[in-house]
């Protein structure tokens, strides 16, 4: 059975190369971008308010070495637009923040993209949520196809066969959603920590495939 598994893995590698597949992961060296969509609280109707590009640290999403930490969003502005009755310790967030931490790579257009990594921990409390996603946007960003998975401890993987039409845009990353919170109150709300899946060395993989081939020849004889 082990032999079969190794052989199947080798065949899968060859097939993947022919099928224009691309694997991406949680790479701190990639060009990560931030975009925030802001909504009213459900109690206030839940309407969309605005969206704009934000710095990743403002989302809040930060790398420490290979580990990415995703936290509830903190706004330092005490204006009642953001907090009820106004900002300060113990204030209630007045908006739902959809924080998107992502990489946009248009060279992935037309490929079957797999985004994978490891969720080291997820201590977010309700109503906060966080997902891994791949989005395939129209050229003008007016519409998109999305696949996603919730971030639960352990490996995650999400795959999308992207549209090959010219001018489209492919993004992959993370989306964390929940009410904004004053920075002194964010600790008990938890966070998510993710990192890349360690890749087996190419030499080790080649050796495994070669060994499987040798064993197979001996068994045929």
C-alpha atoms as a PDB file:
ATOM      1  CA  UNK A   1       0.000   0.000   0.000  1.00  0.00           C
ATOM      2  CA  UNK A   2       2.841   2.374   0.832  1.00  0.00           C
ATOM      3  CA  UNK A   3       4.415   1.636  -2.545  1.00  0.00           C
ATOM      4  CA  UNK A   4       1.154   2.410  -4.302  1.00  0.00           C
ATOM      5  CA  UNK A   5       0.794   5.633  -2.384  1.00  0.00           C
ATOM      6  CA  UNK A   6       4.299   6.757  -3.342  1.00  0.00           C
ATOM      7  CA  UNK A   7       3.756   5.866  -6.986  1.00  0.00           C
ATOM      8  CA  UNK A   8       0.447   7.686  -7.043  1.00  0.00           C
ATOM      9  CA  UNK A   9       2.159  10.730  -5.533  1.00  0.00           C
ATOM     10  CA  UNK A  10       4.783  10.706  -8.268  1.00  0.00           C
ATOM     11  CA  UNK A  11       2.130  10.372 -10.959  1.00  0.00           C
ATOM     12  CA  UNK A  12       0.118  13.157  -9.380  1.00  0.00           C
ATOM     13  CA  UNK A  13       3.122  15.462  -9.501  1.00  0.00           C
ATOM     14  CA  UNK A  14       3.534  14.867 -13.207  1.00  0.00           C
ATOM     15  CA  UNK A  15      -0.170  15.327 -13.858  1.00  0.00           C
ATOM     16  CA  UNK A  16      -0.308  18.539 -11.880  1.00  0.00           C
ATOM     17  CA  UNK A  17       2.472  20.071 -13.948  1.00  0.00           C
ATOM     18  CA  UNK A  18       0.555  19.271 -17.139  1.00  0.00           C
ATOM     19  CA  UNK A  19      -2.707  20.714 -15.788  1.00  0.00           C
ATOM     20  CA  UNK A  20      -1.289  24.208 -15.043  1.00  0.00           C
ATOM     21  CA  UNK A  21      -1.836  23.875 -11.324  1.00  0.00           C
ATOM     22  CA  UNK A  22      -0.369  26.343  -8.850  1.00  0.00           C
ATOM     23  CA  UNK A  23       0.116  25.918  -5.105  1.00  0.00           C
ATOM     24  CA  UNK A  24       0.455  28.969  -2.856  1.00  0.00           C
ATOM     25  CA  UNK A  25       0.907  29.210   0.878  1.00  0.00           C
ATOM     26  CA  UNK A  26       1.335  31.590   3.819  1.00  0.00           C
ATOM     27  CA  UNK A  27       4.558  33.256   2.681  1.00  0.00           C
ATOM     28  CA  UNK A  28       5.755  36.234   4.759  1.00  0.00           C
ATOM     29  CA  UNK A  29       7.937  37.274   1.818  1.00  0.00           C
ATOM     30  CA  UNK A  30       4.958  37.727  -0.525  1.00  0.00           C
ATOM     31  CA  UNK A  31       3.395  41.137  -1.205  1.00  0.00           C
ATOM     32  CA  UNK A  32       0.470  41.129   1.229  1.00  0.00           C
ATOM     33  CA  UNK A  33      -2.208  43.807   0.858  1.00  0.00           C
ATOM     34  CA  UNK A  34      -5.094  44.956   3.041  1.00  0.00           C
ATOM     35  CA  UNK A  35      -8.674  45.905   2.199  1.00  0.00           C
ATOM     36  CA  UNK A  36     -11.391  46.747   4.708  1.00  0.00           C
ATOM     37  CA  UNK A  37     -15.125  46.553   4.060  1.00  0.00           C
ATOM     38  CA  UNK A  38     -17.185  48.291   6.733  1.00  0.00           C
ATOM     39  CA  UNK A  39     -20.844  47.522   7.546  1.00  0.00           C
ATOM     40  CA  UNK A  40     -23.393  48.731  10.048  1.00  0.00           C
ATOM     41  CA  UNK A  41     -24.098  46.416  12.952  1.00  0.00           C
ATOM     42  CA  UNK A  42     -26.918  43.913  12.312  1.00  0.00           C
ATOM     43  CA  UNK A  43     -28.941  45.748  14.972  1.00  0.00           C
ATOM     44  CA  UNK A  44     -28.622  48.887  12.828  1.00  0.00           C
ATOM     45  CA  UNK A  45     -29.623  47.191   9.580  1.00  0.00           C
ATOM     46  CA  UNK A  46     -26.289  45.718   8.487  1.00  0.00           C
ATOM     47  CA  UNK A  47     -25.939  48.008   5.454  1.00  0.00           C
ATOM     48  CA  UNK A  48     -22.644  48.390   3.606  1.00  0.00           C
ATOM     49  CA  UNK A  49     -20.902  51.642   4.576  1.00  0.00           C
ATOM     50  CA  UNK A  50     -17.641  51.776   2.616  1.00  0.00           C
ATOM     51  CA  UNK A  51     -14.570  49.834   1.508  1.00  0.00           C
ATOM     52  CA  UNK A  52     -10.969  50.921   0.977  1.00  0.00           C
ATOM     53  CA  UNK A  53      -7.408  49.753   1.001  1.00  0.00           C
ATOM     54  CA  UNK A  54      -5.829  49.611   4.474  1.00  0.00           C
ATOM     55  CA  UNK A  55      -2.360  48.808   5.705  1.00  0.00           C
ATOM     56  CA  UNK A  56      -2.153  45.186   6.822  1.00  0.00           C
ATOM     57  CA  UNK A  57      -1.129  46.195  10.353  1.00  0.00           C
ATOM     58  CA  UNK A  58      -4.325  48.284  10.580  1.00  0.00           C
ATOM     59  CA  UNK A  59      -6.538  45.282   9.775  1.00  0.00           C
ATOM     60  CA  UNK A  60      -5.081  43.837  12.364  1.00  0.00           C
ATOM     61  CA  UNK A  61      -2.877  41.213  10.582  1.00  0.00           C
ATOM     62  CA  UNK A  62       0.841  40.898  11.317  1.00  0.00           C
ATOM     63  CA  UNK A  63       3.690  38.474  10.631  1.00  0.00           C
ATOM     64  CA  UNK A  64       6.195  37.444  13.273  1.00  0.00           C
ATOM     65  CA  UNK A  65       8.699  35.337  11.373  1.00  0.00           C
ATOM     66  CA  UNK A  66       6.702  32.675   9.491  1.00  0.00           C
ATOM     67  CA  UNK A  67       3.571  33.029  11.667  1.00  0.00           C
ATOM     68  CA  UNK A  68       0.685  35.324  10.690  1.00  0.00           C
ATOM     69  CA  UNK A  69      -1.619  36.513  13.485  1.00  0.00           C
ATOM     70  CA  UNK A  70      -5.153  37.687  12.619  1.00  0.00           C
ATOM     71  CA  UNK A  71      -6.975  39.669  15.313  1.00  0.00           C
ATOM     72  CA  UNK A  72     -10.250  41.593  15.735  1.00  0.00           C
ATOM     73  CA  UNK A  73      -9.972  45.091  14.322  1.00  0.00           C
ATOM     74  CA  UNK A  74      -9.092  47.963  16.643  1.00  0.00           C
ATOM     75  CA  UNK A  75      -9.907  51.596  15.794  1.00  0.00           C
ATOM     76  CA  UNK A  76      -8.153  54.306  17.784  1.00  0.00           C
ATOM     77  CA  UNK A  77     -10.640  57.019  16.790  1.00  0.00           C
ATOM     78  CA  UNK A  78     -13.135  57.628  19.655  1.00  0.00           C
ATOM     79  CA  UNK A  79     -15.733  59.166  17.296  1.00  0.00           C
ATOM     80  CA  UNK A  80     -19.295  57.829  17.848  1.00  0.00           C
ATOM     81  CA  UNK A  81     -19.198  56.694  14.197  1.00  0.00           C
ATOM     82  CA  UNK A  82     -16.954  53.895  15.453  1.00  0.00           C
ATOM     83  CA  UNK A  83     -18.025  53.392  19.078  1.00  0.00           C
ATOM     84  CA  UNK A  84     -21.076  53.597  21.311  1.00  0.00           C
ATOM     85  CA  UNK A  85     -21.327  55.990  23.053  1.00  0.00           C
ATOM     86  CA  UNK A  86     -17.728  56.948  22.147  1.00  0.00           C
ATOM     87  CA  UNK A  87     -14.308  55.330  22.101  1.00  0.00           C
ATOM     88  CA  UNK A  88     -12.431  54.235  25.215  1.00  0.00           C
ATOM     89  CA  UNK A  89     -11.971  51.164  27.397  1.00  0.00           C
ATOM     90  CA  UNK A  90     -15.232  49.224  27.609  1.00  0.00           C
ATOM     91  CA  UNK A  91     -16.806  51.020  24.617  1.00  0.00           C
ATOM     92  CA  UNK A  92     -18.935  48.945  22.229  1.00  0.00           C
ATOM     93  CA  UNK A  93     -17.832  48.759  18.597  1.00  0.00           C
ATOM     94  CA  UNK A  94     -20.336  50.423  16.272  1.00  0.00           C
ATOM     95  CA  UNK A  95     -19.335  48.783  12.957  1.00  0.00           C
ATOM     96  CA  UNK A  96     -18.760  45.325  11.503  1.00  0.00           C
ATOM     97  CA  UNK A  97     -15.256  45.142  10.066  1.00  0.00           C
ATOM     98  CA  UNK A  98     -14.455  42.737   7.207  1.00  0.00           C
ATOM     99  CA  UNK A  99     -10.654  42.726   7.182  1.00  0.00           C
ATOM    100  CA  UNK A 100      -9.093  41.151   4.073  1.00  0.00           C
ATOM    101  CA  UNK A 101      -5.388  40.241   4.181  1.00  0.00           C
ATOM    102  CA  UNK A 102      -4.408  38.965   0.737  1.00  0.00           C
ATOM    103  CA  UNK A 103      -1.956  38.532  -2.103  1.00  0.00           C
ATOM    104  CA  UNK A 104      -3.016  39.511  -5.627  1.00  0.00           C
ATOM    105  CA  UNK A 105      -1.165  37.566  -8.316  1.00  0.00           C
ATOM    106  CA  UNK A 106      -2.529  37.865 -11.839  1.00  0.00           C
ATOM    107  CA  UNK A 107      -0.041  35.298 -13.149  1.00  0.00           C
ATOM    108  CA  UNK A 108      -2.383  32.726 -11.558  1.00  0.00           C
ATOM    109  CA  UNK A 109      -5.222  33.577 -13.963  1.00  0.00           C
ATOM    110  CA  UNK A 110      -6.396  30.466 -15.811  1.00  0.00           C
ATOM    111  CA  UNK A 111      -4.711  28.053 -13.414  1.00  0.00           C
ATOM    112  CA  UNK A 112      -6.151  25.693 -10.825  1.00  0.00           C
ATOM    113  CA  UNK A 113      -4.954  27.417  -7.664  1.00  0.00           C
ATOM    114  CA  UNK A 114      -4.594  25.693  -4.293  1.00  0.00           C
ATOM    115  CA  UNK A 115      -4.017  27.816  -1.188  1.00  0.00           C
ATOM    116  CA  UNK A 116      -2.875  25.838   1.826  1.00  0.00           C
ATOM    117  CA  UNK A 117      -1.292  26.236   5.222  1.00  0.00           C
ATOM    118  CA  UNK A 118      -1.587  25.276   8.858  1.00  0.00           C
ATOM    119  CA  UNK A 119      -3.820  26.885  11.472  1.00  0.00           C
ATOM    120  CA  UNK A 120      -1.728  26.787  14.627  1.00  0.00           C
ATOM    121  CA  UNK A 121      -4.557  28.078  16.815  1.00  0.00           C
ATOM    122  CA  UNK A 122      -7.925  29.825  16.672  1.00  0.00           C
ATOM    123  CA  UNK A 123      -9.117  31.366  19.929  1.00  0.00           C
ATOM    124  CA  UNK A 124     -11.607  33.848  18.431  1.00  0.00           C
ATOM    125  CA  UNK A 125     -14.841  34.138  20.397  1.00  0.00           C
ATOM    126  CA  UNK A 126     -18.289  34.662  18.883  1.00  0.00           C
ATOM    127  CA  UNK A 127     -19.228  36.628  16.800  1.00  0.00           C
ATOM    128  CA  UNK A 128     -15.721  36.861  15.292  1.00  0.00           C
ATOM    129  CA  UNK A 129     -14.881  34.586  12.341  1.00  0.00           C
ATOM    130  CA  UNK A 130     -11.905  34.061  10.058  1.00  0.00           C
ATOM    131  CA  UNK A 131     -11.585  32.183   6.750  1.00  0.00           C
ATOM    132  CA  UNK A 132      -8.988  31.372   4.100  1.00  0.00           C
ATOM    133  CA  UNK A 133     -10.115  32.251   0.573  1.00  0.00           C
ATOM    134  CA  UNK A 134      -9.307  32.396  -3.118  1.00  0.00           C
ATOM    135  CA  UNK A 135     -11.118  35.043  -5.187  1.00  0.00           C
ATOM    136  CA  UNK A 136     -11.264  35.294  -8.986  1.00  0.00           C
ATOM    137  CA  UNK A 137     -12.250  38.859  -9.998  1.00  0.00           C
ATOM    138  CA  UNK A 138     -13.613  40.330 -13.219  1.00  0.00           C
ATOM    139  CA  UNK A 139     -11.217  42.816 -14.892  1.00  0.00           C
ATOM    140  CA  UNK A 140     -13.027  45.795 -13.303  1.00  0.00           C
ATOM    141  CA  UNK A 141     -13.481  44.076  -9.906  1.00  0.00           C
ATOM    142  CA  UNK A 142     -17.265  44.339 -10.285  1.00  0.00           C
ATOM    143  CA  UNK A 143     -17.833  40.644  -9.563  1.00  0.00           C
ATOM    144  CA  UNK A 144     -15.900  37.626  -8.374  1.00  0.00           C
ATOM    145  CA  UNK A 145     -16.004  33.906  -7.727  1.00  0.00           C
ATOM    146  CA  UNK A 146     -14.912  32.828  -4.242  1.00  0.00           C
ATOM    147  CA  UNK A 147     -14.100  29.601  -2.476  1.00  0.00           C
ATOM    148  CA  UNK A 148     -13.215  29.553   1.219  1.00  0.00           C
ATOM    149  CA  UNK A 149     -12.765  27.407   4.309  1.00  0.00           C
ATOM    150  CA  UNK A 150     -13.061  28.302   8.006  1.00  0.00           C
ATOM    151  CA  UNK A 151      -9.816  28.492   9.945  1.00  0.00           C
ATOM    152  CA  UNK A 152      -9.950  25.583  12.361  1.00  0.00           C
ATOM    153  CA  UNK A 153      -6.774  24.219  14.014  1.00  0.00           C
ATOM    154  CA  UNK A 154      -4.823  21.937  11.685  1.00  0.00           C
ATOM    155  CA  UNK A 155      -4.059  21.993   7.955  1.00  0.00           C
ATOM    156  CA  UNK A 156      -6.310  23.972   5.615  1.00  0.00           C
ATOM    157  CA  UNK A 157      -6.583  23.788   1.841  1.00  0.00           C
ATOM    158  CA  UNK A 158      -8.840  25.508  -0.665  1.00  0.00           C
ATOM    159  CA  UNK A 159      -8.789  25.102  -4.467  1.00  0.00           C
ATOM    160  CA  UNK A 160     -10.296  27.134  -7.322  1.00  0.00           C
ATOM    161  CA  UNK A 161     -10.082  26.589 -11.074  1.00  0.00           C
ATOM    162  CA  UNK A 162      -9.741  30.222 -12.148  1.00  0.00           C
ATOM    163  CA  UNK A 163     -11.239  31.773 -15.262  1.00  0.00           C
ATOM    164  CA  UNK A 164      -8.657  32.129 -18.079  1.00  0.00           C
ATOM    165  CA  UNK A 165     -10.268  35.268 -19.573  1.00  0.00           C
ATOM    166  CA  UNK A 166      -7.780  38.112 -20.133  1.00  0.00           C
ATOM    167  CA  UNK A 167      -7.612  40.914 -17.578  1.00  0.00           C
ATOM    168  CA  UNK A 168      -8.937  38.984 -14.595  1.00  0.00           C
ATOM    169  CA  UNK A 169      -7.400  39.137 -11.122  1.00  0.00           C
ATOM    170  CA  UNK A 170      -6.698  36.335  -8.634  1.00  0.00           C
ATOM    171  CA  UNK A 171      -6.390  36.947  -4.908  1.00  0.00           C
ATOM    172  CA  UNK A 172      -5.776  34.546  -2.030  1.00  0.00           C
ATOM    173  CA  UNK A 173      -5.606  35.253   1.673  1.00  0.00           C
ATOM    174  CA  UNK A 174      -7.645  35.622   4.838  1.00  0.00           C
ATOM    175  CA  UNK A 175     -10.822  37.417   5.881  1.00  0.00           C
ATOM    176  CA  UNK A 176     -11.576  38.217   9.514  1.00  0.00           C
ATOM    177  CA  UNK A 177     -15.001  39.600  10.409  1.00  0.00           C
ATOM    178  CA  UNK A 178     -16.523  41.081  13.554  1.00  0.00           C
ATOM    179  CA  UNK A 179     -17.205  44.334  15.424  1.00  0.00           C
ATOM    180  CA  UNK A 180     -14.360  46.789  15.954  1.00  0.00           C
ATOM    181  CA  UNK A 181     -13.021  46.919  19.506  1.00  0.00           C
ATOM    182  CA  UNK A 182     -11.030  49.371  21.624  1.00  0.00           C
ATOM    183  CA  UNK A 183      -7.428  48.226  21.757  1.00  0.00           C
ATOM    184  CA  UNK A 184      -7.349  47.730  25.517  1.00  0.00           C
ATOM    185  CA  UNK A 185     -10.258  45.276  25.253  1.00  0.00           C
ATOM    186  CA  UNK A 186      -9.067  43.108  22.354  1.00  0.00           C
ATOM    187  CA  UNK A 187      -7.111  40.457  24.297  1.00  0.00           C
ATOM    188  CA  UNK A 188     -10.012  38.327  25.581  1.00  0.00           C
ATOM    189  CA  UNK A 189     -11.534  38.184  22.071  1.00  0.00           C
ATOM    190  CA  UNK A 190      -8.789  35.881  20.811  1.00  0.00           C
ATOM    191  CA  UNK A 191      -6.934  35.616  17.506  1.00  0.00           C
ATOM    192  CA  UNK A 192      -5.906  33.184  14.783  1.00  0.00           C
ATOM    193  CA  UNK A 193      -2.346  32.091  14.018  1.00  0.00           C
ATOM    194  CA  UNK A 194      -1.452  30.513  10.681  1.00  0.00           C
ATOM    195  CA  UNK A 195       1.740  29.457   8.916  1.00  0.00           C
ATOM    196  CA  UNK A 196       2.927  27.558   5.849  1.00  0.00           C
ATOM    197  CA  UNK A 197       2.990  23.782   5.505  1.00  0.00           C
ATOM    198  CA  UNK A 198       6.654  22.694   5.431  1.00  0.00           C
ATOM    199  CA  UNK A 199       7.546  21.496   1.941  1.00  0.00           C
ATOM    200  CA  UNK A 200       9.371  18.170   1.466  1.00  0.00           C
ATOM    201  CA  UNK A 201      12.746  18.657  -0.185  1.00  0.00           C
ATOM    202  CA  UNK A 202      12.865  17.946  -3.917  1.00  0.00           C
ATOM    203  CA  UNK A 203      15.750  15.539  -3.349  1.00  0.00           C
ATOM    204  CA  UNK A 204      13.754  13.526  -0.832  1.00  0.00           C
ATOM    205  CA  UNK A 205      10.757  13.400  -3.151  1.00  0.00           C
ATOM    206  CA  UNK A 206      12.873  12.298  -6.121  1.00  0.00           C
ATOM    207  CA  UNK A 207      14.511   9.598  -4.009  1.00  0.00           C
ATOM    208  CA  UNK A 208      11.135   8.271  -2.891  1.00  0.00           C
ATOM    209  CA  UNK A 209       9.890   8.073  -6.466  1.00  0.00           C
ATOM    210  CA  UNK A 210      13.092   6.375  -7.632  1.00  0.00           C
ATOM    211  CA  UNK A 211      12.928   3.836  -4.799  1.00  0.00           C
ATOM    212  CA  UNK A 212       9.327   3.039  -5.634  1.00  0.00           C
ATOM    213  CA  UNK A 213      10.253   2.466  -9.270  1.00  0.00           C
ATOM    214  CA  UNK A 214      13.118   0.103  -8.320  1.00  0.00           C
ATOM    215  CA  UNK A 215      10.898  -1.926  -5.997  1.00  0.00           C
ATOM    216  CA  UNK A 216       8.248  -2.165  -8.688  1.00  0.00           C
ATOM    217  CA  UNK A 217      10.766  -3.477 -11.249  1.00  0.00           C
ATOM    218  CA  UNK A 218      12.006  -6.121  -8.797  1.00  0.00           C
ATOM    219  CA  UNK A 219       8.462  -7.288  -8.103  1.00  0.00           C
ATOM    220  CA  UNK A 220       7.707  -7.546 -11.838  1.00  0.00           C
ATOM    221  CA  UNK A 221      10.765  -9.787 -12.335  1.00  0.00           C
END
